[in-house]
């Protein structure tokens, strides 16, 4: 009897935790889509800076027809939702994406009734930088909630899964076409500032979605792996892993050590390696996210 009550409590606690996590994610979607809509109304639309994806195409159409951008974006997303449901799967992802797209469209068209039509400034540089910044924060929050606002995100995933087209190339095709059309319809100056805004958006989105704690991963090829590993464990307190590799030129097997450290520990790590084995071969690269012991807990991700 006591055991049944214990499991009931565990189940109840798990359900509450899941409900809180889902509520948090949908809250992030609302905040993110609001920031994206604000960015469009204050920086992009008044200054004819085309953003990427379906929103960019809707901006161009709106310029000559006056049709509501939010409505056009949502209508254009409907066939893409069908593609996502059929080929990409993932009901949770698709449900959140539909919610995000609907929220973005409603908020975007509603804000047009409240925010000033002329934006905050007519300085193209300020609009590109701050528009990209706010748009990036909003997009990053939506991605953190395991959703998108639809559009070219679904199309890019479909092309990658169905035809093996890399995501970067898919986005290059879709966003590049928007910028090219904006250059023809507006001016090349507008298009160049739009490219700057897209770059800022991409960088900020990456930081918000993945976090700012970029760590360093080191691969160490050495003849004294025990000595190097011992010094790393003692002086840095970092875990280190060894495996065997084969040099294709010499044909000899050599030990390879892998270690992840913070940016501030890179110099100390190089010093340790140099003192232990001056002839070691070292590769230090970026690790955009490290989860587990000594770093961010996996459950928080």
Protein backbone atom coordinates (compact mmCIF):
# COMPACT_ATOMS: atom_id res chain seq x y z
CA UNK A 1 0.00 0.00 0.00
CA UNK A 2 2.79 2.39 0.96
CA UNK A 3 4.62 1.48 -2.23
CA UNK A 4 1.55 2.31 -4.33
CA UNK A 5 1.24 5.71 -2.65
CA UNK A 6 4.94 6.34 -3.28
CA UNK A 7 4.58 5.65 -6.99
CA UNK A 8 1.44 7.77 -7.15
CA UNK A 9 3.37 10.70 -5.69
CA UNK A 10 6.21 10.17 -8.16
CA UNK A 11 3.75 10.04 -11.07
CA UNK A 12 1.94 13.16 -9.84
CA UNK A 13 5.23 15.05 -9.42
CA UNK A 14 6.38 14.01 -12.91
CA UNK A 15 3.09 15.15 -14.46
CA UNK A 16 3.34 18.54 -12.72
CA UNK A 17 6.95 18.92 -13.85
CA UNK A 18 6.02 18.09 -17.46
CA UNK A 19 3.10 20.53 -17.35
CA UNK A 20 5.37 23.30 -16.05
CA UNK A 21 7.94 22.56 -18.77
CA UNK A 22 5.27 22.65 -21.49
CA UNK A 23 3.83 25.90 -20.07
CA UNK A 24 7.32 27.41 -20.00
CA UNK A 25 7.94 26.42 -23.63
CA UNK A 26 4.68 27.93 -24.87
CA UNK A 27 5.39 31.05 -22.82
CA UNK A 28 8.78 31.34 -24.55
CA UNK A 29 7.05 30.95 -27.92
CA UNK A 30 4.72 33.87 -27.12
CA UNK A 31 7.58 36.09 -25.90
CA UNK A 32 9.75 35.17 -28.89
CA UNK A 33 7.06 35.74 -31.52
CA UNK A 34 6.17 39.07 -29.88
CA UNK A 35 9.80 40.23 -30.11
CA UNK A 36 9.96 39.13 -33.74
CA UNK A 37 6.79 41.06 -34.57
CA UNK A 38 8.03 44.16 -32.72
CA UNK A 39 11.32 44.00 -34.61
CA UNK A 40 9.50 43.89 -37.94
CA UNK A 41 7.25 46.85 -37.14
CA UNK A 42 9.90 49.08 -35.58
CA UNK A 43 12.94 48.34 -37.76
CA UNK A 44 12.27 46.26 -40.89
CA UNK A 45 8.94 47.22 -42.46
CA UNK A 46 9.16 51.06 -42.13
CA UNK A 47 12.62 51.05 -43.73
CA UNK A 48 11.99 48.45 -46.46
CA UNK A 49 14.51 45.98 -45.03
CA UNK A 50 13.46 42.50 -46.10
CA UNK A 51 13.85 39.77 -43.52
CA UNK A 52 14.35 36.14 -44.49
CA UNK A 53 11.84 33.39 -45.17
CA UNK A 54 8.14 33.68 -45.87
CA UNK A 55 7.93 36.90 -43.87
CA UNK A 56 10.33 38.52 -46.33
CA UNK A 57 8.21 37.48 -49.31
CA UNK A 58 5.09 38.73 -47.50
CA UNK A 59 6.85 42.07 -46.91
CA UNK A 60 7.51 42.46 -50.62
CA UNK A 61 3.88 41.64 -51.51
CA UNK A 62 2.59 43.95 -48.78
CA UNK A 63 4.64 46.82 -50.21
CA UNK A 64 2.52 46.81 -53.38
CA UNK A 65 -0.80 45.32 -52.27
CA UNK A 66 -1.22 46.37 -48.64
CA UNK A 67 -2.34 42.85 -47.69
CA UNK A 68 -1.72 42.00 -43.99
CA UNK A 69 1.69 40.37 -43.61
CA UNK A 70 0.61 38.09 -40.74
CA UNK A 71 -2.32 36.65 -42.69
CA UNK A 72 -0.16 36.03 -45.77
CA UNK A 73 2.51 34.29 -43.68
CA UNK A 74 0.02 31.97 -41.99
CA UNK A 75 -1.79 31.09 -45.23
CA UNK A 76 1.53 30.35 -46.97
CA UNK A 77 2.51 28.15 -44.03
CA UNK A 78 -0.50 25.82 -44.36
CA UNK A 79 0.91 23.65 -47.20
CA UNK A 80 4.24 23.59 -45.38
CA UNK A 81 2.50 22.27 -42.25
CA UNK A 82 1.17 19.41 -44.36
CA UNK A 83 4.69 18.72 -45.67
CA UNK A 84 6.07 18.83 -42.13
CA UNK A 85 3.38 16.48 -40.82
CA UNK A 86 3.88 13.97 -43.63
CA UNK A 87 7.65 13.94 -44.04
CA UNK A 88 9.18 15.32 -40.86
CA UNK A 89 6.99 13.71 -38.19
CA UNK A 90 7.24 14.79 -34.60
CA UNK A 91 3.76 15.76 -33.40
CA UNK A 92 5.10 17.86 -30.53
CA UNK A 93 7.38 19.83 -32.83
CA UNK A 94 4.63 20.38 -35.40
CA UNK A 95 2.03 21.37 -32.78
CA UNK A 96 4.38 23.97 -31.32
CA UNK A 97 5.31 25.20 -34.79
CA UNK A 98 1.65 25.69 -35.73
CA UNK A 99 1.08 27.52 -32.42
CA UNK A 100 4.17 29.68 -33.02
CA UNK A 101 3.14 30.53 -36.56
CA UNK A 102 -0.41 31.42 -35.51
CA UNK A 103 0.82 33.51 -32.58
CA UNK A 104 3.33 35.33 -34.78
CA UNK A 105 0.71 36.13 -37.44
CA UNK A 106 -1.89 37.39 -34.95
CA UNK A 107 0.62 39.47 -32.95
CA UNK A 108 2.18 40.89 -36.11
CA UNK A 109 -1.09 42.15 -37.56
CA UNK A 110 -2.35 43.37 -34.17
CA UNK A 111 0.77 45.43 -33.48
CA UNK A 112 0.29 47.26 -36.77
CA UNK A 113 -2.68 48.97 -35.12
CA UNK A 114 -0.69 50.18 -32.12
CA UNK A 115 2.93 50.80 -33.05
CA UNK A 116 4.01 53.91 -35.01
CA UNK A 117 4.12 53.38 -38.77
CA UNK A 118 7.40 55.23 -39.22
CA UNK A 119 9.40 53.11 -36.80
CA UNK A 120 11.95 54.57 -34.40
CA UNK A 121 14.61 55.87 -36.78
CA UNK A 122 15.40 56.08 -40.49
CA UNK A 123 19.09 55.30 -40.02
CA UNK A 124 19.64 52.09 -42.01
CA UNK A 125 22.61 50.97 -39.90
CA UNK A 126 20.71 51.33 -36.62
CA UNK A 127 17.71 49.52 -38.07
CA UNK A 128 19.84 46.65 -39.39
CA UNK A 129 21.72 46.22 -36.09
CA UNK A 130 18.85 46.62 -33.63
CA UNK A 131 16.34 44.92 -35.90
CA UNK A 132 18.68 41.94 -36.25
CA UNK A 133 19.34 41.92 -32.50
CA UNK A 134 15.67 41.90 -31.45
CA UNK A 135 14.73 39.46 -34.21
CA UNK A 136 17.57 37.14 -33.17
CA UNK A 137 16.52 37.15 -29.51
CA UNK A 138 12.94 36.36 -30.50
CA UNK A 139 13.92 33.59 -32.92
CA UNK A 140 16.32 32.09 -30.36
CA UNK A 141 13.60 31.93 -27.71
CA UNK A 142 11.26 30.17 -30.14
CA UNK A 143 13.96 27.64 -31.01
CA UNK A 144 14.73 27.05 -27.31
CA UNK A 145 11.11 26.02 -26.89
CA UNK A 146 11.62 23.29 -29.55
CA UNK A 147 9.47 25.09 -32.12
CA UNK A 148 9.73 27.38 -35.14
CA UNK A 149 7.39 29.89 -36.75
CA UNK A 150 7.13 27.66 -39.81
CA UNK A 151 8.07 28.94 -43.25
CA UNK A 152 11.48 28.17 -44.64
CA UNK A 153 12.47 26.31 -41.45
CA UNK A 154 10.10 23.48 -42.41
CA UNK A 155 11.12 23.72 -46.07
CA UNK A 156 14.82 23.52 -45.19
CA UNK A 157 14.28 20.47 -42.97
CA UNK A 158 12.23 18.81 -45.73
CA UNK A 159 14.89 19.42 -48.39
CA UNK A 160 17.55 18.07 -46.05
CA UNK A 161 15.65 14.90 -45.19
CA UNK A 162 14.19 14.18 -48.62
CA UNK A 163 16.99 15.30 -50.95
CA UNK A 164 20.04 15.62 -48.68
CA UNK A 165 20.36 19.39 -49.19
CA UNK A 166 22.35 20.91 -46.28
CA UNK A 167 20.40 23.32 -44.07
CA UNK A 168 22.86 26.14 -44.73
CA UNK A 169 22.36 25.79 -48.49
CA UNK A 170 18.56 25.66 -48.15
CA UNK A 171 18.53 28.89 -46.14
CA UNK A 172 20.95 30.44 -48.63
CA UNK A 173 18.55 29.71 -51.50
CA UNK A 174 15.40 30.96 -49.76
CA UNK A 175 16.82 34.02 -47.98
CA UNK A 176 19.10 34.89 -50.88
CA UNK A 177 16.13 35.04 -53.25
CA UNK A 178 14.29 37.38 -50.86
CA UNK A 179 17.27 39.73 -50.69
CA UNK A 180 17.69 39.67 -54.48
CA UNK A 181 14.01 40.53 -55.03
CA UNK A 182 14.27 43.29 -52.40
CA UNK A 183 17.23 44.74 -54.28
CA UNK A 184 15.17 44.86 -57.48
CA UNK A 185 11.99 46.21 -55.89
CA UNK A 186 13.57 48.61 -53.36
CA UNK A 187 17.27 49.26 -53.96
CA UNK A 188 20.65 47.56 -53.59
CA UNK A 189 21.35 49.74 -50.57
CA UNK A 190 18.29 48.29 -48.82
CA UNK A 191 19.40 44.78 -49.80
CA UNK A 192 22.92 45.24 -48.42
CA UNK A 193 21.58 46.43 -45.07
CA UNK A 194 19.12 43.52 -45.09
CA UNK A 195 22.07 41.11 -45.45
CA UNK A 196 23.72 42.76 -42.44
CA UNK A 197 20.49 42.37 -40.45
CA UNK A 198 20.26 38.68 -41.45
CA UNK A 199 23.82 38.10 -40.25
CA UNK A 200 23.16 39.77 -36.88
CA UNK A 201 19.94 37.76 -36.53
CA UNK A 202 21.77 34.50 -37.19
CA UNK A 203 24.53 35.20 -34.66
CA UNK A 204 22.15 36.34 -31.91
CA UNK A 205 19.79 33.42 -32.57
CA UNK A 206 22.67 30.97 -32.12
CA UNK A 207 23.69 32.55 -28.80
CA UNK A 208 20.15 32.67 -27.40
CA UNK A 209 19.21 29.18 -28.60
CA UNK A 210 22.44 27.41 -27.58
CA UNK A 211 23.78 29.63 -24.80
CA UNK A 212 26.90 31.78 -24.50
CA UNK A 213 29.05 29.28 -22.62
CA UNK A 214 31.14 28.11 -25.56
CA UNK A 215 33.80 25.73 -24.29
CA UNK A 216 37.02 24.41 -25.84
CA UNK A 217 37.66 20.80 -26.83
CA UNK A 218 41.25 19.62 -27.13
CA UNK A 219 42.53 16.56 -29.00
CA UNK A 220 46.05 15.65 -27.90
CA UNK A 221 48.28 13.16 -29.73
CA UNK A 222 51.14 12.29 -27.37
CA UNK A 223 53.59 9.52 -26.55
CA UNK A 224 53.15 10.06 -22.78
CA UNK A 225 49.36 10.00 -22.33
CA UNK A 226 49.52 8.93 -18.66
CA UNK A 227 51.71 11.89 -17.73
CA UNK A 228 49.57 14.44 -19.59
CA UNK A 229 46.33 12.97 -18.23
CA UNK A 230 47.62 12.98 -14.66
CA UNK A 231 48.64 16.65 -14.86
CA UNK A 232 45.28 17.64 -16.36
CA UNK A 233 43.41 15.76 -13.63
CA UNK A 234 45.52 17.27 -10.85
CA UNK A 235 45.91 20.87 -11.99
CA UNK A 236 42.66 21.46 -13.89
CA UNK A 237 40.38 18.90 -12.30
CA UNK A 238 38.98 18.04 -15.73
CA UNK A 239 38.12 14.59 -17.00
CA UNK A 240 40.13 13.23 -19.90
CA UNK A 241 39.49 10.31 -22.25
CA UNK A 242 41.99 8.17 -24.16
CA UNK A 243 41.54 6.16 -27.31
CA UNK A 244 43.87 4.70 -29.92
CA UNK A 245 44.47 6.16 -33.36
CA UNK A 246 46.64 5.12 -36.30
CA UNK A 247 48.87 7.50 -38.22
CA UNK A 248 48.29 6.76 -41.91
CA UNK A 249 51.74 8.06 -42.90
CA UNK A 250 53.77 6.10 -40.33
CA UNK A 251 51.34 3.23 -39.92
CA UNK A 252 51.90 3.33 -36.15
CA UNK A 253 49.25 3.38 -33.46
CA UNK A 254 49.34 6.30 -31.06
CA UNK A 255 47.21 7.30 -28.07
CA UNK A 256 44.83 10.24 -28.47
CA UNK A 257 43.50 12.19 -25.49
CA UNK A 258 40.29 14.23 -25.52
CA UNK A 259 39.57 16.92 -22.94
CA UNK A 260 36.99 19.71 -22.63
CA UNK A 261 37.96 22.86 -20.74
CA UNK A 262 36.66 26.40 -20.33
CA UNK A 263 38.08 29.21 -22.44
CA UNK A 264 40.04 30.57 -19.47
CA UNK A 265 41.75 27.18 -18.98
CA UNK A 266 43.11 26.83 -22.52
CA UNK A 267 46.45 28.53 -21.79
CA UNK A 268 46.98 26.40 -18.68
CA UNK A 269 46.16 23.27 -20.67
CA UNK A 270 48.72 24.18 -23.34
CA UNK A 271 51.33 24.76 -20.63
CA UNK A 272 50.65 21.36 -19.09
CA UNK A 273 50.96 19.62 -22.46
CA UNK A 274 54.16 21.47 -23.33
CA UNK A 275 55.78 20.60 -20.00
CA UNK A 276 54.76 16.95 -20.27
CA UNK A 277 55.44 16.40 -23.97
CA UNK A 278 56.89 19.29 -26.08
CA UNK A 279 56.47 17.14 -29.21
CA UNK A 280 52.74 16.54 -28.74
CA UNK A 281 50.28 17.38 -31.52
CA UNK A 282 47.30 19.41 -30.23
CA UNK A 283 44.03 20.53 -31.80
CA UNK A 284 41.88 23.01 -29.85
CA UNK A 285 38.39 23.65 -31.22
CA UNK A 286 35.08 25.19 -30.18
CA UNK A 287 32.43 23.11 -28.44
CA UNK A 288 29.18 25.04 -28.78
CA UNK A 289 27.53 23.06 -25.99
CA UNK A 290 28.90 20.72 -23.32
CA UNK A 291 26.51 18.79 -21.09
CA UNK A 292 27.35 16.57 -18.16
CA UNK A 293 29.66 16.38 -15.17
CA UNK A 294 31.68 19.54 -14.63
CA UNK A 295 29.56 21.55 -17.05
CA UNK A 296 25.88 22.32 -17.60
CA UNK A 297 23.68 19.42 -16.34
CA UNK A 298 22.00 17.45 -19.11
CA UNK A 299 18.57 17.79 -17.47
CA UNK A 300 18.72 21.60 -17.85
CA UNK A 301 19.10 21.21 -21.61
